[in-house]
C-alpha cells in the first residue's frame, strides 16, 4: 500500500526560495527571530541558499561601510 503524503514535509523547491533565505539571514544579522519562524526555516530552507545569502549579505555590509567611509572622508 502507498502511504498518504505528509503535509508538513515540503520539498526544497516548494518552500526553500532564495528570497526566504535572504530574509532569514537578514534577521540573523540583527539577532532577532522567533523560535517558531526559526524552526520553519530549518525545515524549508536549503543549506546552500543560506551560505550564498550569508556571503551576499556580508558583501553588502562591507561595500556599504566602505562607501560610507569614502563619503565621510
N, C-alpha and C. Protein backbone atom coordinates (compact mmCIF):
# COMPACT_ATOMS: atom_id res chain seq x y z
N UNK A 1 0.82 -1.19 0.00
CA UNK A 1 0.00 0.00 0.00
C UNK A 1 0.86 1.25 0.00
N UNK A 2 0.37 2.27 -0.60
CA UNK A 2 1.09 3.53 -0.60
C UNK A 2 0.65 4.37 0.60
N UNK A 3 1.60 5.12 1.13
CA UNK A 3 1.31 5.96 2.29
C UNK A 3 0.80 7.31 1.82
N UNK A 4 -0.02 7.93 2.67
CA UNK A 4 -0.52 9.27 2.36
C UNK A 4 0.62 10.27 2.51
N UNK A 5 0.68 11.26 1.64
CA UNK A 5 1.76 12.25 1.74
C UNK A 5 1.61 13.07 3.02
N UNK A 6 2.72 13.36 3.64
CA UNK A 6 2.74 14.16 4.85
C UNK A 6 2.71 15.64 4.47
N UNK A 7 1.69 16.40 4.90
CA UNK A 7 1.61 17.81 4.50
C UNK A 7 2.69 18.67 5.14
N UNK A 8 3.32 18.21 6.23
CA UNK A 8 4.35 19.02 6.88
C UNK A 8 5.69 18.91 6.17
N UNK A 9 5.91 17.84 5.42
CA UNK A 9 7.17 17.66 4.71
C UNK A 9 7.07 18.38 3.38
N UNK A 10 7.99 19.30 3.17
CA UNK A 10 7.98 20.09 1.93
C UNK A 10 9.28 19.87 1.19
N UNK A 11 9.18 19.95 -0.10
CA UNK A 11 10.40 19.85 -0.89
C UNK A 11 11.12 21.18 -0.88
N UNK A 12 12.40 21.17 -1.20
CA UNK A 12 13.17 22.40 -1.17
C UNK A 12 12.71 23.37 -2.26
N UNK A 13 12.15 22.86 -3.33
CA UNK A 13 11.67 23.74 -4.39
C UNK A 13 10.39 24.47 -3.98
N UNK A 14 9.59 23.84 -3.11
CA UNK A 14 8.32 24.45 -2.73
C UNK A 14 8.51 25.57 -1.72
N UNK A 15 9.28 25.34 -0.66
CA UNK A 15 9.37 26.33 0.40
C UNK A 15 10.74 26.92 0.58
N UNK A 16 11.72 26.50 -0.16
CA UNK A 16 13.09 26.94 0.06
C UNK A 16 13.56 27.97 -0.92
N UNK A 17 12.85 29.04 -1.06
CA UNK A 17 13.25 30.05 -2.03
C UNK A 17 14.46 30.83 -1.52
N UNK A 18 15.19 31.40 -2.43
CA UNK A 18 16.37 32.19 -2.07
C UNK A 18 15.95 33.46 -1.34
N UNK A 19 14.79 34.01 -1.68
CA UNK A 19 14.30 35.21 -1.00
C UNK A 19 14.03 34.91 0.48
N UNK A 20 13.47 33.75 0.75
CA UNK A 20 13.24 33.36 2.16
C UNK A 20 14.57 33.20 2.88
N UNK A 21 15.59 32.70 2.19
CA UNK A 21 16.91 32.56 2.78
C UNK A 21 17.50 33.93 3.09
N UNK A 22 17.34 34.88 2.19
CA UNK A 22 17.83 36.23 2.43
C UNK A 22 17.15 36.86 3.64
N UNK A 23 15.85 36.63 3.77
CA UNK A 23 15.11 37.15 4.91
C UNK A 23 15.62 36.55 6.21
N UNK A 24 15.86 35.25 6.22
CA UNK A 24 16.36 34.57 7.41
C UNK A 24 17.75 35.07 7.79
N UNK A 25 18.61 35.29 6.79
CA UNK A 25 19.96 35.78 7.06
C UNK A 25 19.91 37.22 7.57
N UNK A 26 19.03 38.03 7.02
CA UNK A 26 18.90 39.41 7.50
C UNK A 26 18.47 39.45 8.97
N UNK A 27 17.51 38.62 9.33
CA UNK A 27 17.10 38.55 10.72
C UNK A 27 18.23 38.01 11.59
N UNK A 28 19.01 37.09 11.07
CA UNK A 28 20.13 36.54 11.83
C UNK A 28 21.20 37.60 12.07
N UNK A 29 21.44 38.46 11.09
CA UNK A 29 22.40 39.55 11.28
C UNK A 29 21.94 40.49 12.39
N UNK A 30 20.64 40.71 12.49
CA UNK A 30 20.10 41.57 13.53
C UNK A 30 19.99 40.85 14.88
N UNK A 31 19.92 39.54 14.85
CA UNK A 31 19.81 38.77 16.08
C UNK A 31 18.39 38.67 16.60
N UNK A 32 17.41 38.95 15.76
CA UNK A 32 16.01 38.90 16.17
C UNK A 32 15.29 37.83 15.36
N UNK A 33 14.71 36.87 16.06
CA UNK A 33 13.99 35.81 15.36
C UNK A 33 13.11 35.06 16.35
N UNK A 34 11.88 34.80 15.98
CA UNK A 34 11.01 33.97 16.80
C UNK A 34 11.43 32.52 16.64
N UNK A 35 11.28 31.75 17.70
CA UNK A 35 11.66 30.34 17.64
C UNK A 35 10.83 29.58 16.62
N UNK A 36 9.54 29.91 16.51
CA UNK A 36 8.69 29.20 15.56
C UNK A 36 9.12 29.47 14.11
N UNK A 37 9.50 30.69 13.81
CA UNK A 37 9.98 31.02 12.46
C UNK A 37 11.33 30.36 12.19
N UNK A 38 12.15 30.29 13.22
CA UNK A 38 13.45 29.62 13.08
C UNK A 38 13.26 28.14 12.75
N UNK A 39 12.31 27.50 13.43
CA UNK A 39 12.04 26.09 13.17
C UNK A 39 11.51 25.88 11.75
N UNK A 40 10.66 26.80 11.28
CA UNK A 40 10.15 26.70 9.91
C UNK A 40 11.30 26.84 8.91
N UNK A 41 12.22 27.75 9.18
CA UNK A 41 13.36 27.92 8.29
C UNK A 41 14.23 26.67 8.24
N UNK A 42 14.42 26.04 9.39
CA UNK A 42 15.22 24.81 9.41
C UNK A 42 14.61 23.73 8.54
N UNK A 43 13.29 23.68 8.47
CA UNK A 43 12.61 22.67 7.69
C UNK A 43 12.56 23.00 6.20
N UNK A 44 12.56 24.27 5.85
CA UNK A 44 12.24 24.67 4.48
C UNK A 44 13.41 25.20 3.66
N UNK A 45 14.42 25.74 4.29
CA UNK A 45 15.48 26.42 3.54
C UNK A 45 16.62 25.46 3.25
N UNK A 46 17.13 25.53 2.05
CA UNK A 46 18.25 24.71 1.61
C UNK A 46 19.55 25.30 2.17
N UNK A 47 20.44 24.48 2.72
CA UNK A 47 21.67 24.99 3.33
C UNK A 47 22.56 25.80 2.37
N UNK A 48 22.62 25.41 1.11
CA UNK A 48 23.44 26.18 0.17
C UNK A 48 22.87 27.58 -0.06
N UNK A 49 21.55 27.72 0.02
CA UNK A 49 20.96 29.05 -0.09
C UNK A 49 21.38 29.92 1.08
N UNK A 50 21.45 29.34 2.27
CA UNK A 50 21.86 30.10 3.46
C UNK A 50 23.31 30.58 3.31
N UNK A 51 24.18 29.71 2.82
CA UNK A 51 25.58 30.09 2.64
C UNK A 51 25.70 31.22 1.63
N UNK A 52 25.01 31.09 0.50
CA UNK A 52 25.06 32.14 -0.53
C UNK A 52 24.46 33.44 -0.01
N UNK A 53 23.34 33.35 0.70
CA UNK A 53 22.70 34.56 1.23
C UNK A 53 23.59 35.22 2.29
N UNK A 54 24.26 34.42 3.11
CA UNK A 54 25.17 34.97 4.12
C UNK A 54 26.35 35.69 3.49
N UNK A 55 26.93 35.09 2.46
CA UNK A 55 28.05 35.74 1.77
C UNK A 55 27.61 37.03 1.08
N UNK A 56 26.43 36.99 0.45
CA UNK A 56 25.90 38.18 -0.20
C UNK A 56 25.61 39.28 0.82
N UNK A 57 25.02 38.92 1.94
CA UNK A 57 24.74 39.90 3.00
C UNK A 57 26.02 40.50 3.55
N UNK A 58 27.03 39.66 3.76
CA UNK A 58 28.32 40.14 4.25
C UNK A 58 28.95 41.12 3.27
N UNK A 59 28.91 40.77 1.98
CA UNK A 59 29.48 41.67 0.97
C UNK A 59 28.73 43.00 0.92
N UNK A 60 27.41 42.96 1.05
CA UNK A 60 26.63 44.20 1.05
C UNK A 60 26.99 45.09 2.24
N UNK A 61 27.19 44.49 3.39
CA UNK A 61 27.57 45.28 4.58
C UNK A 61 28.94 45.89 4.38
N UNK A 62 29.89 45.12 3.90
CA UNK A 62 31.26 45.63 3.70
C UNK A 62 31.27 46.75 2.66
N UNK A 63 30.59 46.55 1.55
CA UNK A 63 30.55 47.58 0.49
C UNK A 63 29.87 48.85 1.01
N UNK A 64 28.79 48.70 1.77
CA UNK A 64 28.10 49.88 2.29
C UNK A 64 28.97 50.62 3.31
N UNK A 65 29.73 49.89 4.12
CA UNK A 65 30.63 50.56 5.07
C UNK A 65 31.77 51.27 4.36
N UNK A 66 32.32 50.66 3.34
CA UNK A 66 33.38 51.31 2.56
C UNK A 66 32.83 52.56 1.88
N UNK A 67 31.63 52.47 1.32
CA UNK A 67 31.03 53.64 0.68
C UNK A 67 30.75 54.74 1.69
N UNK A 68 30.32 54.39 2.90
CA UNK A 68 30.05 55.37 3.93
C UNK A 68 31.34 56.08 4.36
N UNK A 69 32.41 55.32 4.55
CA UNK A 69 33.70 55.91 4.91
C UNK A 69 34.21 56.80 3.80
N UNK A 70 34.07 56.36 2.57
CA UNK A 70 34.51 57.17 1.41
C UNK A 70 33.72 58.46 1.34
N UNK A 71 32.44 58.40 1.61
CA UNK A 71 31.58 59.59 1.57
C UNK A 71 31.93 60.57 2.70
N UNK A 72 32.23 60.04 3.90
CA UNK A 72 32.56 60.90 5.04
C UNK A 72 33.91 61.56 4.83
N UNK A 73 34.87 60.83 4.29
CA UNK A 73 36.21 61.38 4.09
C UNK A 73 36.16 62.27 2.87
